[in-house]
Amino acid sequence: AEPLMRRALAIDEASYGTNHPQVATRLNNLAQLLQATNRLAEAEPLMLRALAIAEASYSTNHPNVATALNNLASLLQATNRLAEAEPLMRRALAIDEASYGTDHPNVARDLNNLALLLQDTNRLAEAEPLMRRALAIDEASYGNDHPNVARDLNNLAQLLQATNRLAEAEPLMRRALAIDEASYGKDHPVVAI
């Protein structure tokens, strides 16, 4: 996949110029692939460039900027640069809340991302209300039996488990498992996680 992504990037740069939003998309896609293959140092400059293009092309408060911020923050989190990642996640959340409203699924995604980062920094009391809010948004948006709801339930259950609230965590884990089994089948890798 990487050679094809690099070729697509080169074609778009030649066709549109190096600072076109389509180039930012190609940069982001290639960076995501590099991140997935644990080539984080190679991915970071591509994500930074994609963010700069998005900010210049749209505005600093556009949802595409929020996506680029989230992706860069995820990479920083993967490199254990949590203090650098947090303000990017908070900025992405603010942009998406202003763009879509406080009850949009993209806001739930942002809340989950920030909550997981807070959990990584052992700020569990800050993370919990964000996880609960993300769960409520996704239940309202998708219904109670959607895989995104299962993800939210699992995240919250893991946090409750980390705070030794096992009696609260177990029913959430069981509900998440039931949703995943119904969505994917009992033998799917998502269910095994």
Protein backbone atom coordinates (compact mmCIF):
# COMPACT_ATOMS: atom_id res chain seq x y z
CA ALA A 1 0.00 0.00 0.00
CA GLU A 2 2.80 2.42 0.80
CA PRO A 3 4.18 2.70 -2.76
CA LEU A 4 0.68 3.42 -4.06
CA MET A 5 0.10 6.07 -1.39
CA ARG A 6 3.42 7.72 -2.18
CA ARG A 7 2.56 7.67 -5.90
CA ALA A 8 -0.85 9.22 -5.24
CA LEU A 9 0.81 11.92 -3.15
CA ALA A 10 3.30 12.70 -5.91
CA ILE A 11 0.53 12.87 -8.52
CA ASP A 12 -1.56 15.22 -6.39
CA GLU A 13 1.42 17.45 -5.60
CA ALA A 14 2.21 17.69 -9.31
CA SER A 15 -1.44 18.28 -10.25
CA TYR A 16 -2.61 20.61 -7.49
CA GLY A 17 0.54 22.02 -5.93
CA THR A 18 2.17 21.14 -2.64
CA ASN A 19 -0.27 23.09 -0.44
CA HIS A 20 -3.62 21.84 -1.75
CA PRO A 21 -6.16 20.24 0.65
CA GLN A 22 -6.08 17.04 -1.41
CA VAL A 23 -2.34 16.84 -0.71
CA ALA A 24 -3.11 17.16 3.00
CA THR A 25 -5.44 14.17 2.72
CA ARG A 26 -2.75 12.12 0.96
CA LEU A 27 -0.17 13.15 3.57
CA ASN A 28 -2.52 12.16 6.36
CA ASN A 29 -3.28 8.77 4.79
CA LEU A 30 0.41 8.00 4.32
CA ALA A 31 1.18 9.16 7.85
CA GLN A 32 -1.56 6.89 9.22
CA LEU A 33 -0.01 3.95 7.39
CA LEU A 34 3.43 4.81 8.73
CA GLN A 35 2.01 5.09 12.23
CA ALA A 36 0.27 1.72 11.88
CA THR A 37 3.60 0.17 10.90
CA ASN A 38 5.36 1.78 13.86
CA ARG A 39 7.32 4.29 11.79
CA LEU A 40 6.30 7.17 14.01
CA ALA A 41 9.29 9.40 13.30
CA GLU A 42 8.49 9.26 9.58
CA ALA A 43 4.79 9.91 10.17
CA GLU A 44 5.14 13.02 12.32
CA PRO A 45 6.46 15.50 9.70
CA LEU A 46 3.74 14.36 7.30
CA MET A 47 1.05 14.99 9.91
CA LEU A 48 2.53 18.38 10.76
CA ARG A 49 2.51 19.31 7.09
CA ALA A 50 -1.09 18.07 6.67
CA LEU A 51 -2.14 20.20 9.66
CA ALA A 52 -0.41 23.29 8.25
CA ILE A 53 -2.11 22.82 4.88
CA ALA A 54 -5.52 22.35 6.51
CA GLU A 55 -5.11 25.49 8.63
CA ALA A 56 -4.02 27.53 5.61
CA SER A 57 -6.70 26.11 3.30
CA TYR A 58 -9.75 26.30 5.54
CA SER A 59 -9.32 28.21 8.78
CA THR A 60 -7.91 27.38 12.17
CA ASN A 61 -11.40 26.40 13.39
CA HIS A 62 -12.52 24.11 10.56
CA PRO A 63 -13.50 20.46 11.21
CA ASN A 64 -10.75 19.28 8.83
CA VAL A 65 -8.28 21.02 11.13
CA ALA A 66 -9.82 19.16 14.08
CA THR A 67 -9.23 15.86 12.27
CA ALA A 68 -5.61 16.76 11.59
CA LEU A 69 -5.15 17.82 15.22
CA ASN A 70 -6.64 14.54 16.46
CA ASN A 71 -4.39 12.51 14.20
CA LEU A 72 -1.27 14.38 15.26
CA ALA A 73 -2.27 14.12 18.92
CA SER A 74 -2.74 10.36 18.52
CA LEU A 75 0.77 10.09 17.11
CA LEU A 76 2.19 12.17 19.96
CA GLN A 77 0.33 9.97 22.43
CA ALA A 78 1.84 6.89 20.78
CA THR A 79 5.30 8.41 21.31
CA ASN A 80 4.46 9.12 24.96
CA ARG A 81 4.47 12.89 24.41
CA LEU A 82 1.25 13.27 26.35
CA ALA A 83 1.77 16.88 27.42
CA GLU A 84 2.11 17.87 23.75
CA ALA A 85 -0.91 15.79 22.71
CA GLU A 86 -3.38 17.11 25.27
CA PRO A 87 -3.74 20.71 24.01
CA LEU A 88 -4.18 19.42 20.46
CA MET A 89 -6.98 17.11 21.59
CA ARG A 90 -8.63 19.89 23.56
CA ARG A 91 -8.44 22.20 20.54
CA ALA A 92 -9.94 19.51 18.27
CA LEU A 93 -12.78 19.00 20.75
CA ALA A 94 -13.50 22.75 20.89
CA ILE A 95 -13.52 23.01 17.08
CA ASP A 96 -15.89 20.07 16.67
CA GLU A 97 -18.23 21.28 19.42
CA ALA A 98 -18.40 24.71 17.75
CA SER A 99 -18.83 23.18 14.28
CA TYR A 100 -21.28 20.35 14.98
CA GLY A 101 -22.81 21.05 18.37
CA THR A 102 -22.12 19.33 21.67
CA ASP A 103 -24.02 16.12 20.88
CA HIS A 104 -22.42 15.06 17.58
CA PRO A 105 -20.62 11.70 17.11
CA ASN A 106 -17.41 13.53 16.16
CA VAL A 107 -17.56 15.22 19.55
CA ALA A 108 -17.96 11.78 21.17
CA ARG A 109 -14.83 10.61 19.31
CA ASP A 110 -12.92 13.65 20.55
CA LEU A 111 -14.16 13.12 24.11
CA ASN A 112 -13.03 9.50 24.01
CA ASN A 113 -9.61 10.45 22.68
CA LEU A 114 -9.11 13.08 25.38
CA ALA A 115 -10.43 10.78 28.11
CA LEU A 116 -8.02 8.01 27.12
CA LEU A 117 -5.14 10.48 27.22
CA LEU A 118 -6.25 11.67 30.66
CA GLN A 119 -6.41 8.05 31.74
CA ASP A 120 -2.84 7.56 30.47
CA THR A 121 -1.78 10.46 32.70
CA ASN A 122 -3.63 8.94 35.67
CA ARG A 123 -6.24 11.70 35.75
CA LEU A 124 -9.09 9.24 36.07
CA ALA A 125 -11.50 11.61 37.79
CA GLU A 126 -11.20 14.00 34.82
CA ALA A 127 -11.52 11.20 32.29
CA GLU A 128 -14.67 9.55 33.65
CA PRO A 129 -17.20 12.32 32.90
CA LEU A 130 -15.81 12.64 29.39
CA MET A 131 -16.26 8.91 28.80
CA ARG A 132 -19.79 9.01 30.18
CA ARG A 133 -20.63 11.96 27.93
CA ALA A 134 -19.20 10.19 24.87
CA LEU A 135 -21.27 7.11 25.70
CA ALA A 136 -24.45 9.18 26.02
CA ILE A 137 -23.80 10.93 22.69
CA ASP A 138 -23.14 7.67 20.85
CA GLU A 139 -26.19 5.95 22.37
CA ALA A 140 -28.36 8.88 21.28
CA SER A 141 -26.75 9.01 17.84
CA TYR A 142 -26.49 5.32 16.97
CA GLY A 143 -28.76 3.45 19.38
CA ASN A 144 -27.84 1.21 22.28
CA ASP A 145 -26.49 -1.69 20.20
CA HIS A 146 -23.94 -0.01 17.93
CA PRO A 147 -20.23 -0.99 17.90
CA ASN A 148 -19.26 2.59 18.83
CA VAL A 149 -21.39 2.19 21.96
CA ALA A 150 -19.54 -1.06 22.72
CA ARG A 151 -16.22 0.79 22.38
CA ASP A 152 -17.44 3.50 24.76
CA LEU A 153 -18.71 0.93 27.25
CA ASN A 154 -15.39 -0.90 27.15
CA ASN A 155 -13.43 2.33 27.67
CA LEU A 156 -15.57 3.29 30.65
CA ALA A 157 -15.37 -0.23 32.08
CA GLN A 158 -11.57 -0.17 31.84
CA LEU A 159 -11.51 3.13 33.73
CA LEU A 160 -13.86 1.78 36.39
CA GLN A 161 -11.67 -1.29 36.70
CA ALA A 162 -8.61 0.96 37.15
CA THR A 163 -10.41 2.69 40.03
CA ASN A 164 -11.29 -0.68 41.60
CA ARG A 165 -15.02 -0.29 40.90
CA LEU A 166 -15.32 -3.80 39.59
CA ALA A 167 -19.02 -4.20 40.34
CA GLU A 168 -19.74 -1.21 38.10
CA ALA A 169 -17.29 -2.31 35.39
CA GLU A 170 -18.48 -5.88 34.89
CA PRO A 171 -21.99 -5.18 33.51
CA LEU A 172 -20.52 -2.63 31.10
CA MET A 173 -17.98 -5.18 29.87
CA ARG A 174 -20.69 -7.80 29.45
CA ARG A 175 -22.90 -5.36 27.53
CA ALA A 176 -19.97 -4.35 25.28
CA LEU A 177 -19.22 -8.02 24.59
CA ALA A 178 -22.86 -8.74 23.74
CA ILE A 179 -22.96 -5.79 21.30
CA ASP A 180 -19.72 -6.85 19.63
CA GLU A 181 -20.84 -10.48 19.32
CA ALA A 182 -24.14 -9.39 17.78
CA SER A 183 -22.38 -6.93 15.45
CA TYR A 184 -19.42 -9.01 14.31
CA GLY A 185 -20.11 -12.62 15.27
CA LYS A 186 -18.58 -14.60 18.12
CA ASP A 187 -15.41 -15.52 16.21
CA HIS A 188 -14.45 -12.03 15.02
CA PRO A 189 -11.11 -10.59 16.22
CA VAL A 190 -12.88 -7.55 17.71
CA VAL A 191 -14.77 -9.90 20.04
CA ALA A 192 -11.50 -11.54 21.11
CA ILE A 193 -10.13 -8.23 22.36
